[in-house]
PDB file of N, CA and C in Angstrom:
ATOM      1  N   UNK A   1    -127.715  79.759  52.816  1.00  0.00           N
ATOM      2  CA  UNK A   1    -128.415  78.448  53.041  1.00  0.00           C
ATOM      3  C   UNK A   1    -129.375  78.571  54.168  1.00  0.00           C
ATOM      4  N   UNK A   2    -130.580  78.140  53.907  1.00  0.00           N
ATOM      5  CA  UNK A   2    -131.658  78.209  54.946  1.00  0.00           C
ATOM      6  C   UNK A   2    -131.445  77.351  56.117  1.00  0.00           C
ATOM      7  N   UNK A   3    -132.007  77.551  57.247  1.00  0.00           N
ATOM      8  CA  UNK A   3    -131.787  76.855  58.490  1.00  0.00           C
ATOM      9  C   UNK A   3    -132.472  75.449  58.337  1.00  0.00           C
ATOM     10  N   UNK A   4    -133.439  75.329  57.434  1.00  0.00           N
ATOM     11  CA  UNK A   4    -134.048  74.067  57.188  1.00  0.00           C
ATOM     12  C   UNK A   4    -133.093  72.960  56.729  1.00  0.00           C
ATOM     13  N   UNK A   5    -132.012  73.383  56.052  1.00  0.00           N
ATOM     14  CA  UNK A   5    -131.058  72.403  55.554  1.00  0.00           C
ATOM     15  C   UNK A   5    -130.429  71.638  56.743  1.00  0.00           C
ATOM     16  N   UNK A   6    -130.287  72.288  57.874  1.00  0.00           N
ATOM     17  CA  UNK A   6    -129.752  71.516  59.002  1.00  0.00           C
ATOM     18  C   UNK A   6    -130.520  70.451  59.498  1.00  0.00           C
ATOM     19  N   UNK A   7    -131.920  70.407  59.227  1.00  0.00           N
ATOM     20  CA  UNK A   7    -132.811  69.284  59.553  1.00  0.00           C
ATOM     21  C   UNK A   7    -132.956  68.419  58.323  1.00  0.00           C
ATOM     22  N   UNK A   8    -133.170  69.013  57.125  1.00  0.00           N
ATOM     23  CA  UNK A   8    -133.625  68.255  55.975  1.00  0.00           C
ATOM     24  C   UNK A   8    -132.460  67.279  55.569  1.00  0.00           C
ATOM     25  N   UNK A   9    -131.272  67.854  55.419  1.00  0.00           N
ATOM     26  CA  UNK A   9    -130.057  66.961  54.935  1.00  0.00           C
ATOM     27  C   UNK A   9    -129.840  65.805  55.875  1.00  0.00           C
ATOM     28  N   UNK A  10    -129.703  65.927  57.222  1.00  0.00           N
ATOM     29  CA  UNK A  10    -129.508  64.669  58.011  1.00  0.00           C
ATOM     30  C   UNK A  10    -130.710  63.735  57.958  1.00  0.00           C
ATOM     31  N   UNK A  11    -131.916  64.367  57.804  1.00  0.00           N
ATOM     32  CA  UNK A  11    -133.137  63.454  57.795  1.00  0.00           C
ATOM     33  C   UNK A  11    -133.048  62.606  56.485  1.00  0.00           C
ATOM     34  N   UNK A  12    -132.739  63.126  55.375  1.00  0.00           N
ATOM     35  CA  UNK A  12    -132.633  62.448  54.063  1.00  0.00           C
ATOM     36  C   UNK A  12    -131.544  61.392  54.148  1.00  0.00           C
ATOM     37  N   UNK A  13    -130.425  61.700  54.800  1.00  0.00           N
ATOM     38  CA  UNK A  13    -129.227  60.858  54.965  1.00  0.00           C
ATOM     39  C   UNK A  13    -129.749  59.554  55.820  1.00  0.00           C
ATOM     40  N   UNK A  14    -130.465  59.892  56.893  1.00  0.00           N
ATOM     41  CA  UNK A  14    -130.924  58.881  57.787  1.00  0.00           C
ATOM     42  C   UNK A  14    -131.978  57.950  57.031  1.00  0.00           C
ATOM     43  N   UNK A  15    -132.855  58.617  56.211  1.00  0.00           N
ATOM     44  CA  UNK A  15    -133.782  57.851  55.491  1.00  0.00           C
ATOM     45  C   UNK A  15    -133.047  56.857  54.517  1.00  0.00           C
ATOM     46  N   UNK A  16    -132.071  57.429  53.891  1.00  0.00           N
ATOM     47  CA  UNK A  16    -131.357  56.552  52.880  1.00  0.00           C
ATOM     48  C   UNK A  16    -130.617  55.413  53.704  1.00  0.00           C
ATOM     49  N   UNK A  17    -130.095  55.634  54.855  1.00  0.00           N
ATOM     50  CA  UNK A  17    -129.453  54.662  55.604  1.00  0.00           C
ATOM     51  C   UNK A  17    -130.440  53.484  55.981  1.00  0.00           C
ATOM     52  N   UNK A  18    -131.696  53.842  56.387  1.00  0.00           N
ATOM     53  CA  UNK A  18    -132.745  52.953  56.764  1.00  0.00           C
ATOM     54  C   UNK A  18    -133.149  52.103  55.579  1.00  0.00           C
ATOM     55  N   UNK A  19    -133.367  52.803  54.502  1.00  0.00           N
ATOM     56  CA  UNK A  19    -133.809  52.055  53.267  1.00  0.00           C
ATOM     57  C   UNK A  19    -132.701  51.075  52.817  1.00  0.00           C
ATOM     58  N   UNK A  20    -131.474  51.553  52.763  1.00  0.00           N
ATOM     59  CA  UNK A  20    -130.363  50.741  52.352  1.00  0.00           C
ATOM     60  C   UNK A  20    -130.230  49.528  53.334  1.00  0.00           C
ATOM     61  N   UNK A  21    -130.370  49.751  54.598  1.00  0.00           N
ATOM     62  CA  UNK A  21    -130.379  48.677  55.556  1.00  0.00           C
ATOM     63  C   UNK A  21    -131.409  47.560  55.283  1.00  0.00           C
ATOM     64  N   UNK A  22    -132.587  48.041  54.999  1.00  0.00           N
ATOM     65  CA  UNK A  22    -133.701  47.130  54.752  1.00  0.00           C
ATOM     66  C   UNK A  22    -133.470  46.350  53.476  1.00  0.00           C
ATOM     67  N   UNK A  23    -133.075  47.102  52.405  1.00  0.00           N
ATOM     68  CA  UNK A  23    -132.861  46.368  51.124  1.00  0.00           C
ATOM     69  C   UNK A  23    -131.683  45.425  51.187  1.00  0.00           C
ATOM     70  N   UNK A  24    -130.571  45.874  51.838  1.00  0.00           N
ATOM     71  CA  UNK A  24    -129.458  44.970  52.009  1.00  0.00           C
ATOM     72  C   UNK A  24    -129.709  43.783  52.832  1.00  0.00           C
ATOM     73  N   UNK A  25    -130.508  43.840  53.824  1.00  0.00           N
ATOM     74  CA  UNK A  25    -130.843  42.651  54.645  1.00  0.00           C
ATOM     75  C   UNK A  25    -131.613  41.631  53.872  1.00  0.00           C
ATOM     76  N   UNK A  26    -132.520  42.224  53.083  1.00  0.00           N
ATOM     77  CA  UNK A  26    -133.384  41.388  52.167  1.00  0.00           C
ATOM     78  C   UNK A  26    -132.495  40.646  51.169  1.00  0.00           C
ATOM     79  N   UNK A  27    -131.615  41.372  50.611  1.00  0.00           N
ATOM     80  CA  UNK A  27    -130.731  40.741  49.608  1.00  0.00           C
ATOM     81  C   UNK A  27    -129.754  39.704  50.184  1.00  0.00           C
ATOM     82  N   UNK A  28    -129.332  40.019  51.416  1.00  0.00           N
ATOM     83  CA  UNK A  28    -128.451  38.933  52.149  1.00  0.00           C
ATOM     84  C   UNK A  28    -129.271  37.731  52.475  1.00  0.00           C
ATOM     85  N   UNK A  29    -130.480  37.883  52.916  1.00  0.00           N
ATOM     86  CA  UNK A  29    -131.357  36.673  53.163  1.00  0.00           C
ATOM     87  C   UNK A  29    -131.596  35.910  51.994  1.00  0.00           C
ATOM     88  N   UNK A  30    -131.877  36.584  50.853  1.00  0.00           N
ATOM     89  CA  UNK A  30    -132.153  35.946  49.644  1.00  0.00           C
ATOM     90  C   UNK A  30    -130.844  35.101  49.129  1.00  0.00           C
ATOM     91  N   UNK A  31    -129.696  35.787  49.244  1.00  0.00           N
ATOM     92  CA  UNK A  31    -128.521  35.091  48.825  1.00  0.00           C
ATOM     93  C   UNK A  31    -128.233  33.948  49.692  1.00  0.00           C
ATOM     94  N   UNK A  32    -128.477  33.960  50.995  1.00  0.00           N
ATOM     95  CA  UNK A  32    -128.269  32.900  51.894  1.00  0.00           C
ATOM     96  C   UNK A  32    -129.169  31.797  51.536  1.00  0.00           C
ATOM     97  N   UNK A  33    -130.441  32.060  51.325  1.00  0.00           N
ATOM     98  CA  UNK A  33    -131.417  31.024  51.039  1.00  0.00           C
ATOM     99  C   UNK A  33    -131.075  30.307  49.676  1.00  0.00           C
ATOM    100  N   UNK A  34    -130.641  31.041  48.731  1.00  0.00           N
ATOM    101  CA  UNK A  34    -130.291  30.418  47.404  1.00  0.00           C
ATOM    102  C   UNK A  34    -128.930  29.606  47.579  1.00  0.00           C
ATOM    103  N   UNK A  35    -128.078  30.001  48.431  1.00  0.00           N
ATOM    104  CA  UNK A  35    -126.869  29.183  48.672  1.00  0.00           C
ATOM    105  C   UNK A  35    -127.317  27.879  49.417  1.00  0.00           C
ATOM    106  N   UNK A  36    -128.237  27.914  50.288  1.00  0.00           N
ATOM    107  CA  UNK A  36    -128.593  26.676  50.949  1.00  0.00           C
ATOM    108  C   UNK A  36    -129.373  25.729  49.941  1.00  0.00           C
ATOM    109  N   UNK A  37    -130.182  26.279  49.075  1.00  0.00           N
ATOM    110  CA  UNK A  37    -130.793  25.552  48.031  1.00  0.00           C
ATOM    111  C   UNK A  37    -129.723  24.834  47.128  1.00  0.00           C
ATOM    112  N   UNK A  38    -128.719  25.577  46.715  1.00  0.00           N
ATOM    113  CA  UNK A  38    -127.580  25.143  45.862  1.00  0.00           C
ATOM    114  C   UNK A  38    -126.950  24.008  46.563  1.00  0.00           C
ATOM    115  N   UNK A  39    -126.683  24.096  47.835  1.00  0.00           N
ATOM    116  CA  UNK A  39    -125.990  22.952  48.562  1.00  0.00           C
ATOM    117  C   UNK A  39    -126.829  21.791  48.710  1.00  0.00           C
ATOM    118  N   UNK A  40    -128.129  21.919  48.919  1.00  0.00           N
ATOM    119  CA  UNK A  40    -129.032  20.745  48.973  1.00  0.00           C
ATOM    120  C   UNK A  40    -129.133  20.074  47.569  1.00  0.00           C
ATOM    121  N   UNK A  41    -129.177  20.839  46.405  1.00  0.00           N
ATOM    122  CA  UNK A  41    -129.269  20.182  45.158  1.00  0.00           C
ATOM    123  C   UNK A  41    -127.981  19.507  44.931  1.00  0.00           C
ATOM    124  N   UNK A  42    -126.765  20.051  45.241  1.00  0.00           N
ATOM    125  CA  UNK A  42    -125.534  19.288  45.058  1.00  0.00           C
ATOM    126  C   UNK A  42    -125.539  17.981  45.817  1.00  0.00           C
ATOM    127  N   UNK A  43    -125.986  18.052  47.086  1.00  0.00           N
ATOM    128  CA  UNK A  43    -126.051  16.885  47.968  1.00  0.00           C
ATOM    129  C   UNK A  43    -126.956  15.802  47.367  1.00  0.00           C
ATOM    130  N   UNK A  44    -128.072  16.313  46.914  1.00  0.00           N
ATOM    131  CA  UNK A  44    -129.034  15.344  46.248  1.00  0.00           C
ATOM    132  C   UNK A  44    -128.357  14.641  44.980  1.00  0.00           C
ATOM    133  N   UNK A  45    -127.749  15.531  44.109  1.00  0.00           N
ATOM    134  CA  UNK A  45    -127.140  14.987  42.962  1.00  0.00           C
ATOM    135  C   UNK A  45    -126.022  14.047  43.298  1.00  0.00           C
ATOM    136  N   UNK A  46    -125.249  14.326  44.328  1.00  0.00           N
ATOM    137  CA  UNK A  46    -124.100  13.477  44.771  1.00  0.00           C
ATOM    138  C   UNK A  46    -124.663  12.037  45.280  1.00  0.00           C
ATOM    139  N   UNK A  47    -125.747  12.157  46.050  1.00  0.00           N
ATOM    140  CA  UNK A  47    -126.351  10.989  46.523  1.00  0.00           C
ATOM    141  C   UNK A  47    -126.880  10.128  45.506  1.00  0.00           C
ATOM    142  N   UNK A  48    -127.606  10.663  44.469  1.00  0.00           N
ATOM    143  CA  UNK A  48    -128.075   9.857  43.388  1.00  0.00           C
ATOM    144  C   UNK A  48    -126.954   9.235  42.479  1.00  0.00           C
ATOM    145  N   UNK A  49    -125.806  10.072  42.330  1.00  0.00           N
ATOM    146  CA  UNK A  49    -124.744   9.553  41.597  1.00  0.00           C
ATOM    147  C   UNK A  49    -124.029   8.401  42.308  1.00  0.00           C
ATOM    148  N   UNK A  50    -123.996   8.409  43.692  1.00  0.00           N
ATOM    149  CA  UNK A  50    -123.392   7.289  44.417  1.00  0.00           C
ATOM    150  C   UNK A  50    -124.251   6.073  44.448  1.00  0.00           C
ATOM    151  N   UNK A  51    -125.511   6.301  44.365  1.00  0.00           N
ATOM    152  CA  UNK A  51    -126.397   5.037  44.285  1.00  0.00           C
ATOM    153  C   UNK A  51    -126.378   4.455  42.960  1.00  0.00           C
ATOM    154  N   UNK A  52    -126.160   5.124  41.901  1.00  0.00           N
ATOM    155  CA  UNK A  52    -126.167   4.591  40.525  1.00  0.00           C
ATOM    156  C   UNK A  52    -124.879   3.778  40.245  1.00  0.00           C
TER     157      UNK A  52
END
């Protein structure tokens, strides 16, 4: 095994960690935003149902 593997393999692992972190944080933010929208829609439906 060449000596370059001792640099290449950890670099690729670190790159994967960074990309995963970025994609995961975006997915979490999107899920949080959709949950807030869902809650607002439910509250709006409940409010209109109470008024009727």
